[in-house]
PDB file of N, CA and C in Angstrom:
ATOM      1  N   MET A   1       0.835  -1.182  -0.003  1.00  0.00           N
ATOM      2  CA  MET A   1      -0.004  -0.006  -0.001  1.00  0.00           C
ATOM      3  C   MET A   1       0.869   1.247   0.002  1.00  0.00           C
ATOM      4  N   LYS A   2       0.441   2.261  -0.737  1.00  0.00           N
ATOM      5  CA  LYS A   2       1.154   3.513  -0.782  1.00  0.00           C
ATOM      6  C   LYS A   2       0.733   4.389   0.386  1.00  0.00           C
ATOM      7  N   PRO A   3       1.687   5.108   0.972  1.00  0.00           N
ATOM      8  CA  PRO A   3       1.304   6.028   2.032  1.00  0.00           C
ATOM      9  C   PRO A   3       0.536   7.215   1.449  1.00  0.00           C
ATOM     10  N   GLN A   4      -0.432   7.679   2.196  1.00  0.00           N
ATOM     11  CA  GLN A   4      -1.241   8.805   1.740  1.00  0.00           C
ATOM     12  C   GLN A   4      -0.457  10.106   1.891  1.00  0.00           C
ATOM     13  N   LYS A   5      -0.506  10.937   0.860  1.00  0.00           N
ATOM     14  CA  LYS A   5       0.117  12.251   0.948  1.00  0.00           C
ATOM     15  C   LYS A   5      -0.855  13.210   1.597  1.00  0.00           C
ATOM     16  N   THR A   6      -0.357  13.958   2.504  1.00  0.00           N
ATOM     17  CA  THR A   6      -1.217  14.980   3.100  1.00  0.00           C
ATOM     18  C   THR A   6      -1.205  16.207   2.220  1.00  0.00           C
ATOM     19  N   LYS A   7      -2.137  17.089   2.463  1.00  0.00           N
ATOM     20  CA  LYS A   7      -2.214  18.302   1.656  1.00  0.00           C
ATOM     21  C   LYS A   7      -0.984  19.158   1.832  1.00  0.00           C
ATOM     22  N   SER A   8      -0.427  19.204   3.048  1.00  0.00           N
ATOM     23  CA  SER A   8       0.749  20.037   3.284  1.00  0.00           C
ATOM     24  C   SER A   8       1.973  19.450   2.552  1.00  0.00           C
ATOM     25  N   ALA A   9       2.089  18.143   2.494  1.00  0.00           N
ATOM     26  CA  ALA A   9       3.214  17.525   1.775  1.00  0.00           C
ATOM     27  C   ALA A   9       3.075  17.786   0.293  1.00  0.00           C
ATOM     28  N   ALA A  10       1.864  17.670  -0.241  1.00  0.00           N
ATOM     29  CA  ALA A  10       1.647  17.952  -1.666  1.00  0.00           C
ATOM     30  C   ALA A  10       1.926  19.414  -1.985  1.00  0.00           C
ATOM     31  N   LEU A  11       1.574  20.296  -1.058  1.00  0.00           N
ATOM     32  CA  LEU A  11       1.829  21.720  -1.258  1.00  0.00           C
ATOM     33  C   LEU A  11       3.317  22.010  -1.257  1.00  0.00           C
ATOM     34  N   ARG A  12       4.060  21.358  -0.363  1.00  0.00           N
ATOM     35  CA  ARG A  12       5.522  21.568  -0.311  1.00  0.00           C
ATOM     36  C   ARG A  12       6.179  21.053  -1.594  1.00  0.00           C
ATOM     37  N   ILE A  13       5.734  19.933  -2.093  1.00  0.00           N
ATOM     38  CA  ILE A  13       6.301  19.402  -3.345  1.00  0.00           C
ATOM     39  C   ILE A  13       5.996  20.353  -4.511  1.00  0.00           C
ATOM     40  N   TRP A  14       4.768  20.848  -4.569  1.00  0.00           N
ATOM     41  CA  TRP A  14       4.384  21.779  -5.644  1.00  0.00           C
ATOM     42  C   TRP A  14       5.207  23.069  -5.538  1.00  0.00           C
ATOM     43  N   LEU A  15       5.384  23.579  -4.317  1.00  0.00           N
ATOM     44  CA  LEU A  15       6.158  24.786  -4.121  1.00  0.00           C
ATOM     45  C   LEU A  15       7.614  24.595  -4.530  1.00  0.00           C
ATOM     46  N   LEU A  16       8.188  23.436  -4.186  1.00  0.00           N
ATOM     47  CA  LEU A  16       9.555  23.140  -4.575  1.00  0.00           C
ATOM     48  C   LEU A  16       9.680  23.089  -6.085  1.00  0.00           C
ATOM     49  N   ARG A  17       8.739  22.495  -6.768  1.00  0.00           N
ATOM     50  CA  ARG A  17       8.766  22.435  -8.228  1.00  0.00           C
ATOM     51  C   ARG A  17       8.704  23.835  -8.841  1.00  0.00           C
ATOM     52  N   VAL A  18       7.849  24.694  -8.278  1.00  0.00           N
ATOM     53  CA  VAL A  18       7.716  26.058  -8.801  1.00  0.00           C
ATOM     54  C   VAL A  18       9.011  26.837  -8.580  1.00  0.00           C
ATOM     55  N   ILE A  19       9.647  26.654  -7.417  1.00  0.00           N
ATOM     56  CA  ILE A  19      10.897  27.351  -7.149  1.00  0.00           C
ATOM     57  C   ILE A  19      11.993  26.886  -8.097  1.00  0.00           C
ATOM     58  N   ILE A  20      12.096  25.590  -8.333  1.00  0.00           N
ATOM     59  CA  ILE A  20      13.104  25.068  -9.259  1.00  0.00           C
ATOM     60  C   ILE A  20      12.861  25.590 -10.682  1.00  0.00           C
ATOM     61  N   LEU A  21      11.605  25.620 -11.091  1.00  0.00           N
ATOM     62  CA  LEU A  21      11.272  26.140 -12.415  1.00  0.00           C
ATOM     63  C   LEU A  21      11.638  27.610 -12.525  1.00  0.00           C
ATOM     64  N   ALA A  22      11.349  28.400 -11.489  1.00  0.00           N
ATOM     65  CA  ALA A  22      11.676  29.838 -11.509  1.00  0.00           C
ATOM     66  C   ALA A  22      13.196  30.020 -11.578  1.00  0.00           C
ATOM     67  N   LEU A  23      13.957  29.236 -10.816  1.00  0.00           N
ATOM     68  CA  LEU A  23      15.410  29.352 -10.866  1.00  0.00           C
ATOM     69  C   LEU A  23      15.956  28.981 -12.233  1.00  0.00           C
ATOM     70  N   ALA A  24      15.365  27.971 -12.859  1.00  0.00           N
ATOM     71  CA  ALA A  24      15.808  27.589 -14.200  1.00  0.00           C
ATOM     72  C   ALA A  24      15.542  28.711 -15.202  1.00  0.00           C
ATOM     73  N   ILE A  25      14.369  29.324 -15.111  1.00  0.00           N
ATOM     74  CA  ILE A  25      14.038  30.425 -16.024  1.00  0.00           C
ATOM     75  C   ILE A  25      14.976  31.603 -15.817  1.00  0.00           C
ATOM     76  N   VAL A  26      15.248  31.921 -14.538  1.00  0.00           N
ATOM     77  CA  VAL A  26      16.188  33.014 -14.249  1.00  0.00           C
ATOM     78  C   VAL A  26      17.579  32.704 -14.798  1.00  0.00           C
ATOM     79  N   GLY A  27      18.022  31.467 -14.629  1.00  0.00           N
ATOM     80  CA  GLY A  27      19.325  31.071 -15.164  1.00  0.00           C
ATOM     81  C   GLY A  27      19.395  31.206 -16.682  1.00  0.00           C
ATOM     82  N   ILE A  28      18.334  30.816 -17.356  1.00  0.00           N
ATOM     83  CA  ILE A  28      18.296  30.949 -18.824  1.00  0.00           C
ATOM     84  C   ILE A  28      18.351  32.405 -19.230  1.00  0.00           C
ATOM     85  N   ILE A  29      17.597  33.251 -18.553  1.00  0.00           N
ATOM     86  CA  ILE A  29      17.572  34.670 -18.875  1.00  0.00           C
ATOM     87  C   ILE A  29      18.929  35.312 -18.635  1.00  0.00           C
ATOM     88  N   VAL A  30      19.582  34.951 -17.517  1.00  0.00           N
ATOM     89  CA  VAL A  30      20.907  35.510 -17.223  1.00  0.00           C
ATOM     90  C   VAL A  30      21.897  35.069 -18.290  1.00  0.00           C
ATOM     91  N   GLY A  31      21.829  33.821 -18.730  1.00  0.00           N
ATOM     92  CA  GLY A  31      22.727  33.348 -19.774  1.00  0.00           C
ATOM     93  C   GLY A  31      22.514  34.065 -21.088  1.00  0.00           C
ATOM     94  N   ILE A  32      21.262  34.345 -21.408  1.00  0.00           N
ATOM     95  CA  ILE A  32      20.977  35.078 -22.646  1.00  0.00           C
ATOM     96  C   ILE A  32      21.484  36.513 -22.550  1.00  0.00           C
ATOM     97  N   LYS A  33      21.274  37.140 -21.399  1.00  0.00           N
ATOM     98  CA  LYS A  33      21.748  38.523 -21.219  1.00  0.00           C
ATOM     99  C   LYS A  33      23.254  38.629 -21.291  1.00  0.00           C
ATOM    100  N   ARG A  34      23.958  37.576 -20.822  1.00  0.00           N
ATOM    101  CA  ARG A  34      25.429  37.570 -20.865  1.00  0.00           C
ATOM    102  C   ARG A  34      25.969  37.095 -22.219  1.00  0.00           C
ATOM    103  N   ARG A  35      25.052  36.851 -23.153  1.00  0.00           N
ATOM    104  CA  ARG A  35      25.414  36.427 -24.504  1.00  0.00           C
ATOM    105  C   ARG A  35      26.232  35.135 -24.528  1.00  0.00           C
ATOM    106  N   GLU A  36      25.772  34.149 -23.758  1.00  0.00           N
ATOM    107  CA  GLU A  36      26.464  32.876 -23.675  1.00  0.00           C
ATOM    108  C   GLU A  36      25.762  31.775 -24.469  1.00  0.00           C
ATOM    109  N   VAL A  37      24.801  32.141 -25.285  1.00  0.00           N
ATOM    110  CA  VAL A  37      24.036  31.156 -26.030  1.00  0.00           C
ATOM    111  C   VAL A  37      24.928  30.360 -26.984  1.00  0.00           C
ATOM    112  N   ARG A  38      25.777  31.046 -27.714  1.00  0.00           N
ATOM    113  CA  ARG A  38      26.649  30.374 -28.681  1.00  0.00           C
ATOM    114  C   ARG A  38      27.600  29.404 -27.980  1.00  0.00           C
ATOM    115  N   THR A  39      28.140  29.824 -26.844  1.00  0.00           N
ATOM    116  CA  THR A  39      29.060  28.967 -26.082  1.00  0.00           C
ATOM    117  C   THR A  39      28.362  27.695 -25.618  1.00  0.00           C
ATOM    118  N   VAL A  40      27.173  27.852 -25.084  1.00  0.00           N
ATOM    119  CA  VAL A  40      26.413  26.701 -24.572  1.00  0.00           C
ATOM    120  C   VAL A  40      26.080  25.759 -25.714  1.00  0.00           C
ATOM    121  N   PHE A  41      25.630  26.282 -26.844  1.00  0.00           N
ATOM    122  CA  PHE A  41      25.294  25.417 -27.963  1.00  0.00           C
ATOM    123  C   PHE A  41      26.527  24.690 -28.509  1.00  0.00           C
ATOM    124  N   SER A  42      27.648  25.386 -28.604  1.00  0.00           N
ATOM    125  CA  SER A  42      28.842  24.719 -29.127  1.00  0.00           C
ATOM    126  C   SER A  42      29.307  23.606 -28.193  1.00  0.00           C
ATOM    127  N   LYS A  43      29.234  23.844 -26.866  1.00  0.00           N
ATOM    128  CA  LYS A  43      29.597  22.794 -25.917  1.00  0.00           C
ATOM    129  C   LYS A  43      28.619  21.629 -25.981  1.00  0.00           C
ATOM    130  N   ALA A  44      27.329  21.921 -26.113  1.00  0.00           N
ATOM    131  CA  ALA A  44      26.328  20.857 -26.195  1.00  0.00           C
ATOM    132  C   ALA A  44      26.534  20.019 -27.444  1.00  0.00           C
ATOM    133  N   ILE A  45      26.822  20.651 -28.553  1.00  0.00           N
ATOM    134  CA  ILE A  45      27.076  19.904 -29.792  1.00  0.00           C
ATOM    135  C   ILE A  45      28.297  19.023 -29.639  1.00  0.00           C
ATOM    136  N   ARG A  46      29.355  19.567 -29.035  1.00  0.00           N
ATOM    137  CA  ARG A  46      30.571  18.804 -28.842  1.00  0.00           C
ATOM    138  C   ARG A  46      30.337  17.593 -27.949  1.00  0.00           C
ATOM    139  N   ILE A  47      29.601  17.783 -26.876  1.00  0.00           N
ATOM    140  CA  ILE A  47      29.305  16.671 -25.960  1.00  0.00           C
ATOM    141  C   ILE A  47      28.463  15.618 -26.645  1.00  0.00           C
ATOM    142  N   CYS A  48      27.453  16.046 -27.383  1.00  0.00           N
ATOM    143  CA  CYS A  48      26.580  15.076 -28.078  1.00  0.00           C
ATOM    144  C   CYS A  48      27.364  14.279 -29.115  1.00  0.00           C
ATOM    145  N   LEU A  49      28.210  14.947 -29.842  1.00  0.00           N
ATOM    146  CA  LEU A  49      28.987  14.222 -30.851  1.00  0.00           C
ATOM    147  C   LEU A  49      29.957  13.250 -30.217  1.00  0.00           C
ATOM    148  N   GLU A  50      30.498  13.574 -29.043  1.00  0.00           N
ATOM    149  CA  GLU A  50      31.387  12.641 -28.373  1.00  0.00           C
ATOM    150  C   GLU A  50      30.627  11.429 -27.843  1.00  0.00           C
ATOM    151  N   CYS A  51      29.429  11.682 -27.313  1.00  0.00           N
ATOM    152  CA  CYS A  51      28.659  10.569 -26.747  1.00  0.00           C
ATOM    153  C   CYS A  51      28.180   9.621 -27.834  1.00  0.00           C
ATOM    154  N   ILE A  52      27.761  10.169 -28.946  1.00  0.00           N
ATOM    155  CA  ILE A  52      27.271   9.325 -30.041  1.00  0.00           C
ATOM    156  C   ILE A  52      28.436   8.658 -30.751  1.00  0.00           C
ATOM    157  N   GLY A  53      29.580   9.300 -30.739  1.00  0.00           N
ATOM    158  CA  GLY A  53      30.757   8.718 -31.342  1.00  0.00           C
ATOM    159  C   GLY A  53      30.982   9.170 -32.779  1.00  0.00           C
ATOM    160  N   LEU A  54      30.341  10.248 -33.177  1.00  0.00           N
ATOM    161  CA  LEU A  54      30.521  10.718 -34.552  1.00  0.00           C
ATOM    162  C   LEU A  54      31.732  11.636 -34.681  1.00  0.00           C
ATOM    163  N   GLY A  55      32.226  12.135 -33.558  1.00  0.00           N
ATOM    164  CA  GLY A  55      33.284  13.136 -33.596  1.00  0.00           C
ATOM    165  C   GLY A  55      34.634  12.638 -33.546  1.00  0.00           C
TER     166      GLY A  55
END
């Protein structure tokens, strides 16, 4: 049997999710303002190519 979640536990989980989402959005905006988009994309492409083995 699964333990029952109380309303306060569900509220805390929801609040934590909202805070994490807000921090992620702020991080994305800060990165865009600092003009780091090209750097992030080039690193992501490099990592993906290494993992797949095409590089």
